[in-house]
Amino acid sequence: TILQFVADHKLAHSYAFLNSPDPLNVKYKNSYTLPWAHLFPNIVATDKNNQVEVDKFIQNENSLRGII
Protein backbone atom coordinates (compact mmCIF):
# COMPACT_ATOMS: atom_id res chain seq x y z
CA THR A 1 0.00 0.00 0.00
CA ILE A 2 1.00 3.62 -0.33
CA LEU A 3 1.16 4.08 3.43
CA GLN A 4 3.51 1.10 3.81
CA PHE A 5 5.75 2.39 1.01
CA VAL A 6 5.87 5.80 2.69
CA ALA A 7 6.72 4.26 6.06
CA ASP A 8 9.37 1.95 4.57
CA HIS A 9 11.11 4.85 2.81
CA LYS A 10 10.58 7.41 5.60
CA LEU A 11 8.76 9.83 3.30
CA ALA A 12 6.38 12.61 4.23
CA HIS A 13 2.92 11.85 2.91
CA SER A 14 -0.41 13.54 2.40
CA TYR A 15 -3.28 12.21 0.31
CA ALA A 16 -3.92 15.74 -0.93
CA PHE A 17 -0.80 15.46 -3.06
CA LEU A 18 -2.08 12.37 -4.84
CA ASN A 19 -4.80 14.15 -6.78
CA SER A 20 -4.43 17.90 -6.40
CA PRO A 21 -3.73 19.97 -8.42
CA ASP A 22 -5.29 18.00 -11.21
CA PRO A 23 -2.33 17.98 -13.65
CA LEU A 24 -0.29 16.27 -10.90
CA ASN A 25 -2.92 13.65 -10.15
CA VAL A 26 -1.22 10.26 -9.94
CA LYS A 27 -3.99 8.66 -11.99
CA TYR A 28 -2.56 10.18 -15.18
CA LYS A 29 0.19 8.57 -17.23
CA ASN A 30 3.31 10.70 -17.60
CA SER A 31 7.05 10.50 -17.03
CA TYR A 32 6.57 10.98 -13.28
CA THR A 33 3.92 8.33 -12.70
CA LEU A 34 4.79 5.57 -15.16
CA PRO A 35 7.93 4.44 -13.27
CA TRP A 36 5.73 3.78 -10.20
CA ALA A 37 2.73 2.18 -11.92
CA HIS A 38 3.95 -1.37 -11.27
CA LEU A 39 4.05 -0.71 -7.51
CA PHE A 40 0.51 0.67 -7.37
CA PRO A 41 -1.27 -0.85 -10.41
CA ASN A 42 -4.80 0.20 -9.44
CA ILE A 43 -3.90 3.73 -8.37
CA VAL A 44 -0.99 5.14 -10.37
CA ALA A 45 -1.01 5.78 -14.14
CA THR A 46 -4.47 4.35 -14.78
CA ASP A 47 -5.93 7.19 -16.89
CA LYS A 48 -4.97 9.17 -20.01
CA ASN A 49 -1.48 10.40 -20.78
CA ASN A 50 -1.26 14.01 -19.62
CA GLN A 51 2.45 14.67 -20.25
CA VAL A 52 1.71 17.90 -22.13
CA GLU A 53 -0.52 19.20 -19.33
CA VAL A 54 1.89 18.28 -16.54
CA ASP A 55 4.84 19.85 -18.41
CA LYS A 56 2.86 23.05 -18.95
CA PHE A 57 1.79 23.11 -15.28
CA ILE A 58 5.40 22.71 -14.10
CA GLN A 59 6.62 25.33 -16.56
CA ASN A 60 3.99 27.80 -15.31
CA GLU A 61 4.83 27.07 -11.65
CA ASN A 62 8.54 27.52 -12.32
CA SER A 63 7.90 30.78 -14.14
CA LEU A 64 5.79 32.09 -11.24
CA ARG A 65 8.60 31.22 -8.84
CA GLY A 66 11.25 32.79 -11.08
CA ILE A 67 13.04 29.48 -11.53
CA ILE A 68 13.20 29.57 -15.33
PDB file of N, CA and C in Angstrom:
ATOM      1  N   THR A   1       0.838  -1.186   0.000  1.00  0.00           N
ATOM      2  CA  THR A   1       0.000   0.000   0.000  1.00  0.00           C
ATOM      3  C   THR A   1       0.876   1.239   0.000  1.00  0.00           C
ATOM      4  N   ILE A   2       0.268   2.355  -0.316  1.00  0.00           N
ATOM      5  CA  ILE A   2       1.004   3.617  -0.331  1.00  0.00           C
ATOM      6  C   ILE A   2       1.541   3.940   1.057  1.00  0.00           C
ATOM      7  N   LEU A   3       0.720   3.747   2.079  1.00  0.00           N
ATOM      8  CA  LEU A   3       1.159   4.077   3.432  1.00  0.00           C
ATOM      9  C   LEU A   3       2.345   3.224   3.861  1.00  0.00           C
ATOM     10  N   GLN A   4       2.369   1.956   3.478  1.00  0.00           N
ATOM     11  CA  GLN A   4       3.506   1.100   3.814  1.00  0.00           C
ATOM     12  C   GLN A   4       4.759   1.545   3.072  1.00  0.00           C
ATOM     13  N   PHE A   5       4.621   1.891   1.797  1.00  0.00           N
ATOM     14  CA  PHE A   5       5.748   2.389   1.012  1.00  0.00           C
ATOM     15  C   PHE A   5       6.325   3.644   1.652  1.00  0.00           C
ATOM     16  N   VAL A   6       5.451   4.553   2.057  1.00  0.00           N
ATOM     17  CA  VAL A   6       5.867   5.800   2.693  1.00  0.00           C
ATOM     18  C   VAL A   6       6.615   5.498   3.995  1.00  0.00           C
ATOM     19  N   ALA A   7       6.073   4.617   4.793  1.00  0.00           N
ATOM     20  CA  ALA A   7       6.719   4.259   6.058  1.00  0.00           C
ATOM     21  C   ALA A   7       8.070   3.592   5.809  1.00  0.00           C
ATOM     22  N   ASP A   8       8.130   2.673   4.864  1.00  0.00           N
ATOM     23  CA  ASP A   8       9.374   1.953   4.571  1.00  0.00           C
ATOM     24  C   ASP A   8      10.487   2.884   4.099  1.00  0.00           C
ATOM     25  N   HIS A   9      10.111   3.938   3.379  1.00  0.00           N
ATOM     26  CA  HIS A   9      11.109   4.848   2.813  1.00  0.00           C
ATOM     27  C   HIS A   9      11.222   6.158   3.585  1.00  0.00           C
ATOM     28  N   LYS A  10      10.527   6.234   4.735  1.00  0.00           N
ATOM     29  CA  LYS A  10      10.577   7.410   5.602  1.00  0.00           C
ATOM     30  C   LYS A  10      10.280   8.698   4.834  1.00  0.00           C
ATOM     31  N   LEU A  11       9.177   8.681   4.095  1.00  0.00           N
ATOM     32  CA  LEU A  11       8.755   9.826   3.296  1.00  0.00           C
ATOM     33  C   LEU A  11       7.586  10.544   3.957  1.00  0.00           C
ATOM     34  N   ALA A  12       7.549  11.857   3.790  1.00  0.00           N
ATOM     35  CA  ALA A  12       6.376  12.608   4.230  1.00  0.00           C
ATOM     36  C   ALA A  12       5.247  12.280   3.265  1.00  0.00           C
ATOM     37  N   HIS A  13       4.028  12.247   3.761  1.00  0.00           N
ATOM     38  CA  HIS A  13       2.917  11.845   2.909  1.00  0.00           C
ATOM     39  C   HIS A  13       1.640  12.583   3.267  1.00  0.00           C
ATOM     40  N   SER A  14       0.919  12.972   2.239  1.00  0.00           N
ATOM     41  CA  SER A  14      -0.415  13.541   2.404  1.00  0.00           C
ATOM     42  C   SER A  14      -1.237  13.127   1.197  1.00  0.00           C
ATOM     43  N   TYR A  15      -2.443  12.623   1.436  1.00  0.00           N
ATOM     44  CA  TYR A  15      -3.283  12.212   0.313  1.00  0.00           C
ATOM     45  C   TYR A  15      -3.624  13.374  -0.607  1.00  0.00           C
ATOM     46  N   ALA A  16      -3.607  14.577  -0.102  1.00  0.00           N
ATOM     47  CA  ALA A  16      -3.921  15.743  -0.928  1.00  0.00           C
ATOM     48  C   ALA A  16      -2.993  15.830  -2.134  1.00  0.00           C
ATOM     49  N   PHE A  17      -1.762  15.371  -1.967  1.00  0.00           N
ATOM     50  CA  PHE A  17      -0.803  15.460  -3.056  1.00  0.00           C
ATOM     51  C   PHE A  17      -0.959  14.352  -4.089  1.00  0.00           C
ATOM     52  N   LEU A  18      -1.867  13.434  -3.871  1.00  0.00           N
ATOM     53  CA  LEU A  18      -2.078  12.371  -4.839  1.00  0.00           C
ATOM     54  C   LEU A  18      -3.008  12.788  -5.969  1.00  0.00           C
ATOM     55  N   ASN A  19      -3.838  13.799  -5.734  1.00  0.00           N
ATOM     56  CA  ASN A  19      -4.803  14.154  -6.777  1.00  0.00           C
ATOM     57  C   ASN A  19      -5.002  15.652  -6.970  1.00  0.00           C
ATOM     58  N   SER A  20      -4.243  16.455  -6.298  1.00  0.00           N
ATOM     59  CA  SER A  20      -4.433  17.897  -6.404  1.00  0.00           C
ATOM     60  C   SER A  20      -3.067  18.576  -6.430  1.00  0.00           C
ATOM     61  N   PRO A  21      -2.876  19.513  -7.335  1.00  0.00           N
ATOM     62  CA  PRO A  21      -3.729  19.975  -8.419  1.00  0.00           C
ATOM     63  C   PRO A  21      -3.887  18.910  -9.508  1.00  0.00           C
ATOM     64  N   ASP A  22      -4.922  19.041 -10.260  1.00  0.00           N
ATOM     65  CA  ASP A  22      -5.291  17.997 -11.211  1.00  0.00           C
ATOM     66  C   ASP A  22      -4.172  17.560 -12.154  1.00  0.00           C
ATOM     67  N   PRO A  23      -3.382  18.465 -12.744  1.00  0.00           N
ATOM     68  CA  PRO A  23      -2.325  17.976 -13.645  1.00  0.00           C
ATOM     69  C   PRO A  23      -1.335  17.035 -12.962  1.00  0.00           C
ATOM     70  N   LEU A  24      -1.227  17.122 -11.642  1.00  0.00           N
ATOM     71  CA  LEU A  24      -0.293  16.268 -10.905  1.00  0.00           C
ATOM     72  C   LEU A  24      -0.951  15.033 -10.317  1.00  0.00           C
ATOM     73  N   ASN A  25      -2.196  14.814 -10.654  1.00  0.00           N
ATOM     74  CA  ASN A  25      -2.925  13.650 -10.149  1.00  0.00           C
ATOM     75  C   ASN A  25      -2.198  12.380 -10.582  1.00  0.00           C
ATOM     76  N   VAL A  26      -1.974  11.484  -9.639  1.00  0.00           N
ATOM     77  CA  VAL A  26      -1.224  10.259  -9.942  1.00  0.00           C
ATOM     78  C   VAL A  26      -1.963   9.292 -10.849  1.00  0.00           C
ATOM     79  N   LYS A  27      -3.244   9.551 -11.101  1.00  0.00           N
ATOM     80  CA  LYS A  27      -3.988   8.662 -11.989  1.00  0.00           C
ATOM     81  C   LYS A  27      -3.544   8.798 -13.442  1.00  0.00           C
ATOM     82  N   TYR A  28      -2.965   9.945 -13.800  1.00  0.00           N
ATOM     83  CA  TYR A  28      -2.560  10.184 -15.182  1.00  0.00           C
ATOM     84  C   TYR A  28      -1.221   9.528 -15.502  1.00  0.00           C
ATOM     85  N   LYS A  29      -1.067   9.142 -16.757  1.00  0.00           N
ATOM     86  CA  LYS A  29       0.190   8.567 -17.232  1.00  0.00           C
ATOM     87  C   LYS A  29       1.100   9.702 -17.695  1.00  0.00           C
ATOM     88  N   ASN A  30       2.299   9.741 -17.169  1.00  0.00           N
ATOM     89  CA  ASN A  30       3.309  10.699 -17.600  1.00  0.00           C
ATOM     90  C   ASN A  30       4.670  10.213 -17.094  1.00  0.00           C
ATOM     91  N   SER A  31       5.704  10.957 -17.386  1.00  0.00           N
ATOM     92  CA  SER A  31       7.054  10.502 -17.030  1.00  0.00           C
ATOM     93  C   SER A  31       7.278  10.411 -15.523  1.00  0.00           C
ATOM     94  N   TYR A  32       6.422  11.031 -14.737  1.00  0.00           N
ATOM     95  CA  TYR A  32       6.572  10.978 -13.279  1.00  0.00           C
ATOM     96  C   TYR A  32       5.819   9.796 -12.667  1.00  0.00           C
ATOM     97  N   THR A  33       4.732   9.395 -13.278  1.00  0.00           N
ATOM     98  CA  THR A  33       3.918   8.326 -12.698  1.00  0.00           C
ATOM     99  C   THR A  33       4.226   6.942 -13.275  1.00  0.00           C
ATOM    100  N   LEU A  34       4.578   6.873 -14.539  1.00  0.00           N
ATOM    101  CA  LEU A  34       4.789   5.565 -15.165  1.00  0.00           C
ATOM    102  C   LEU A  34       5.860   4.708 -14.472  1.00  0.00           C
ATOM    103  N   PRO A  35       6.957   5.289 -13.968  1.00  0.00           N
ATOM    104  CA  PRO A  35       7.932   4.440 -13.270  1.00  0.00           C
ATOM    105  C   PRO A  35       7.385   3.782 -11.999  1.00  0.00           C
ATOM    106  N   TRP A  36       6.299   4.298 -11.449  1.00  0.00           N
ATOM    107  CA  TRP A  36       5.731   3.777 -10.202  1.00  0.00           C
ATOM    108  C   TRP A  36       4.472   2.945 -10.425  1.00  0.00           C
ATOM    109  N   ALA A  37       3.997   2.868 -11.628  1.00  0.00           N
ATOM    110  CA  ALA A  37       2.730   2.183 -11.917  1.00  0.00           C
ATOM    111  C   ALA A  37       2.756   0.715 -11.498  1.00  0.00           C
ATOM    112  N   HIS A  38       3.880   0.056 -11.633  1.00  0.00           N
ATOM    113  CA  HIS A  38       3.946  -1.367 -11.273  1.00  0.00           C
ATOM    114  C   HIS A  38       3.823  -1.582  -9.763  1.00  0.00           C
ATOM    115  N   LEU A  39       4.170  -0.576  -8.963  1.00  0.00           N
ATOM    116  CA  LEU A  39       4.054  -0.705  -7.509  1.00  0.00           C
ATOM    117  C   LEU A  39       2.626  -0.493  -7.020  1.00  0.00           C
ATOM    118  N   PHE A  40       1.879   0.327  -7.749  1.00  0.00           N
ATOM    119  CA  PHE A  40       0.505   0.672  -7.372  1.00  0.00           C
ATOM    120  C   PHE A  40      -0.398   0.553  -8.597  1.00  0.00           C
ATOM    121  N   PRO A  41      -0.598  -0.654  -9.114  1.00  0.00           N
ATOM    122  CA  PRO A  41      -1.267  -0.849 -10.407  1.00  0.00           C
ATOM    123  C   PRO A  41      -2.712  -0.366 -10.487  1.00  0.00           C
ATOM    124  N   ASN A  42      -3.406  -0.256  -9.398  1.00  0.00           N
ATOM    125  CA  ASN A  42      -4.802   0.198  -9.445  1.00  0.00           C
ATOM    126  C   ASN A  42      -4.959   1.659  -9.064  1.00  0.00           C
ATOM    127  N   ILE A  43      -3.842   2.342  -8.821  1.00  0.00           N
ATOM    128  CA  ILE A  43      -3.902   3.732  -8.374  1.00  0.00           C
ATOM    129  C   ILE A  43      -3.118   4.661  -9.290  1.00  0.00           C
ATOM    130  N   VAL A  44      -1.914   4.267  -9.645  1.00  0.00           N
ATOM    131  CA  VAL A  44      -0.992   5.142 -10.370  1.00  0.00           C
ATOM    132  C   VAL A  44      -1.010   4.830 -11.866  1.00  0.00           C
ATOM    133  N   ALA A  45      -1.077   5.887 -12.679  1.00  0.00           N
ATOM    134  CA  ALA A  45      -1.013   5.781 -14.142  1.00  0.00           C
ATOM    135  C   ALA A  45      -2.115   4.893 -14.706  1.00  0.00           C
ATOM    136  N   THR A  46      -3.337   5.151 -14.313  1.00  0.00           N
ATOM    137  CA  THR A  46      -4.467   4.354 -14.783  1.00  0.00           C
ATOM    138  C   THR A  46      -5.345   5.095 -15.777  1.00  0.00           C
ATOM    139  N   ASP A  47      -5.082   6.367 -16.019  1.00  0.00           N
ATOM    140  CA  ASP A  47      -5.927   7.189 -16.886  1.00  0.00           C
ATOM    141  C   ASP A  47      -5.106   7.663 -18.087  1.00  0.00           C
ATOM    142  N   LYS A  48      -5.590   8.660 -18.783  1.00  0.00           N
ATOM    143  CA  LYS A  48      -4.968   9.173 -20.012  1.00  0.00           C
ATOM    144  C   LYS A  48      -3.557   9.698 -19.763  1.00  0.00           C
ATOM    145  N   ASN A  49      -2.793   9.785 -20.821  1.00  0.00           N
ATOM    146  CA  ASN A  49      -1.483  10.400 -20.777  1.00  0.00           C
ATOM    147  C   ASN A  49      -1.663  11.918 -20.746  1.00  0.00           C
ATOM    148  N   ASN A  50      -1.130  12.562 -19.724  1.00  0.00           N
ATOM    149  CA  ASN A  50      -1.261  14.013 -19.616  1.00  0.00           C
ATOM    150  C   ASN A  50       0.104  14.695 -19.583  1.00  0.00           C
ATOM    151  N   GLN A  51       1.087  14.119 -20.272  1.00  0.00           N
ATOM    152  CA  GLN A  51       2.446  14.667 -20.248  1.00  0.00           C
ATOM    153  C   GLN A  51       2.474  16.133 -20.661  1.00  0.00           C
ATOM    154  N   VAL A  52       1.730  16.505 -21.680  1.00  0.00           N
ATOM    155  CA  VAL A  52       1.708  17.899 -22.133  1.00  0.00           C
ATOM    156  C   VAL A  52       1.171  18.805 -21.029  1.00  0.00           C
ATOM    157  N   GLU A  53       0.079  18.390 -20.389  1.00  0.00           N
ATOM    158  CA  GLU A  53      -0.524  19.201 -19.334  1.00  0.00           C
ATOM    159  C   GLU A  53       0.390  19.322 -18.123  1.00  0.00           C
ATOM    160  N   VAL A  54       1.020  18.228 -17.722  1.00  0.00           N
ATOM    161  CA  VAL A  54       1.892  18.285 -16.545  1.00  0.00           C
ATOM    162  C   VAL A  54       3.140  19.119 -16.842  1.00  0.00           C
ATOM    163  N   ASP A  55       3.684  19.021 -18.039  1.00  0.00           N
ATOM    164  CA  ASP A  55       4.838  19.849 -18.406  1.00  0.00           C
ATOM    165  C   ASP A  55       4.473  21.329 -18.396  1.00  0.00           C
ATOM    166  N   LYS A  56       3.308  21.650 -18.931  1.00  0.00           N
ATOM    167  CA  LYS A  56       2.859  23.049 -18.945  1.00  0.00           C
ATOM    168  C   LYS A  56       2.638  23.548 -17.514  1.00  0.00           C
ATOM    169  N   PHE A  57       2.027  22.735 -16.668  1.00  0.00           N
ATOM    170  CA  PHE A  57       1.792  23.111 -15.284  1.00  0.00           C
ATOM    171  C   PHE A  57       3.122  23.403 -14.586  1.00  0.00           C
ATOM    172  N   ILE A  58       4.100  22.525 -14.744  1.00  0.00           N
ATOM    173  CA  ILE A  58       5.397  22.713 -14.103  1.00  0.00           C
ATOM    174  C   ILE A  58       6.098  23.943 -14.651  1.00  0.00           C
ATOM    175  N   GLN A  59       6.012  24.142 -15.950  1.00  0.00           N
ATOM    176  CA  GLN A  59       6.618  25.333 -16.559  1.00  0.00           C
ATOM    177  C   GLN A  59       5.991  26.609 -15.988  1.00  0.00           C
ATOM    178  N   ASN A  60       4.668  26.626 -15.870  1.00  0.00           N
ATOM    179  CA  ASN A  60       3.990  27.797 -15.307  1.00  0.00           C
ATOM    180  C   ASN A  60       4.390  28.021 -13.849  1.00  0.00           C
ATOM    181  N   GLU A  61       4.443  26.951 -13.067  1.00  0.00           N
ATOM    182  CA  GLU A  61       4.832  27.067 -11.651  1.00  0.00           C
ATOM    183  C   GLU A  61       6.262  27.585 -11.532  1.00  0.00           C
ATOM    184  N   ASN A  62       7.156  27.051 -12.347  1.00  0.00           N
ATOM    185  CA  ASN A  62       8.544  27.522 -12.318  1.00  0.00           C
ATOM    186  C   ASN A  62       8.656  28.982 -12.708  1.00  0.00           C
ATOM    187  N   SER A  63       7.883  29.383 -13.708  1.00  0.00           N
ATOM    188  CA  SER A  63       7.897  30.782 -14.138  1.00  0.00           C
ATOM    189  C   SER A  63       7.388  31.695 -13.028  1.00  0.00           C
ATOM    190  N   LEU A  64       6.322  31.295 -12.361  1.00  0.00           N
ATOM    191  CA  LEU A  64       5.785  32.087 -11.245  1.00  0.00           C
ATOM    192  C   LEU A  64       6.803  32.222 -10.117  1.00  0.00           C
ATOM    193  N   ARG A  65       7.606  31.209  -9.912  1.00  0.00           N
ATOM    194  CA  ARG A  65       8.605  31.221  -8.841  1.00  0.00           C
ATOM    195  C   ARG A  65       9.932  31.845  -9.291  1.00  0.00           C
ATOM    196  N   GLY A  66      10.023  32.195 -10.572  1.00  0.00           N
ATOM    197  CA  GLY A  66      11.254  32.789 -11.084  1.00  0.00           C
ATOM    198  C   GLY A  66      12.387  31.794 -11.247  1.00  0.00           C
ATOM    199  N   ILE A  67      12.027  30.519 -11.405  1.00  0.00           N
ATOM    200  CA  ILE A  67      13.040  29.477 -11.525  1.00  0.00           C
ATOM    201  C   ILE A  67      13.598  29.407 -12.939  1.00  0.00           C
ATOM    202  N   ILE A  68      12.760  29.671 -13.925  1.00  0.00           N
ATOM    203  CA  ILE A  68      13.202  29.575 -15.327  1.00  0.00           C
ATOM    204  C   ILE A  68      13.599  30.933 -15.841  1.00  0.00           C
TER     205      ILE A  68
END
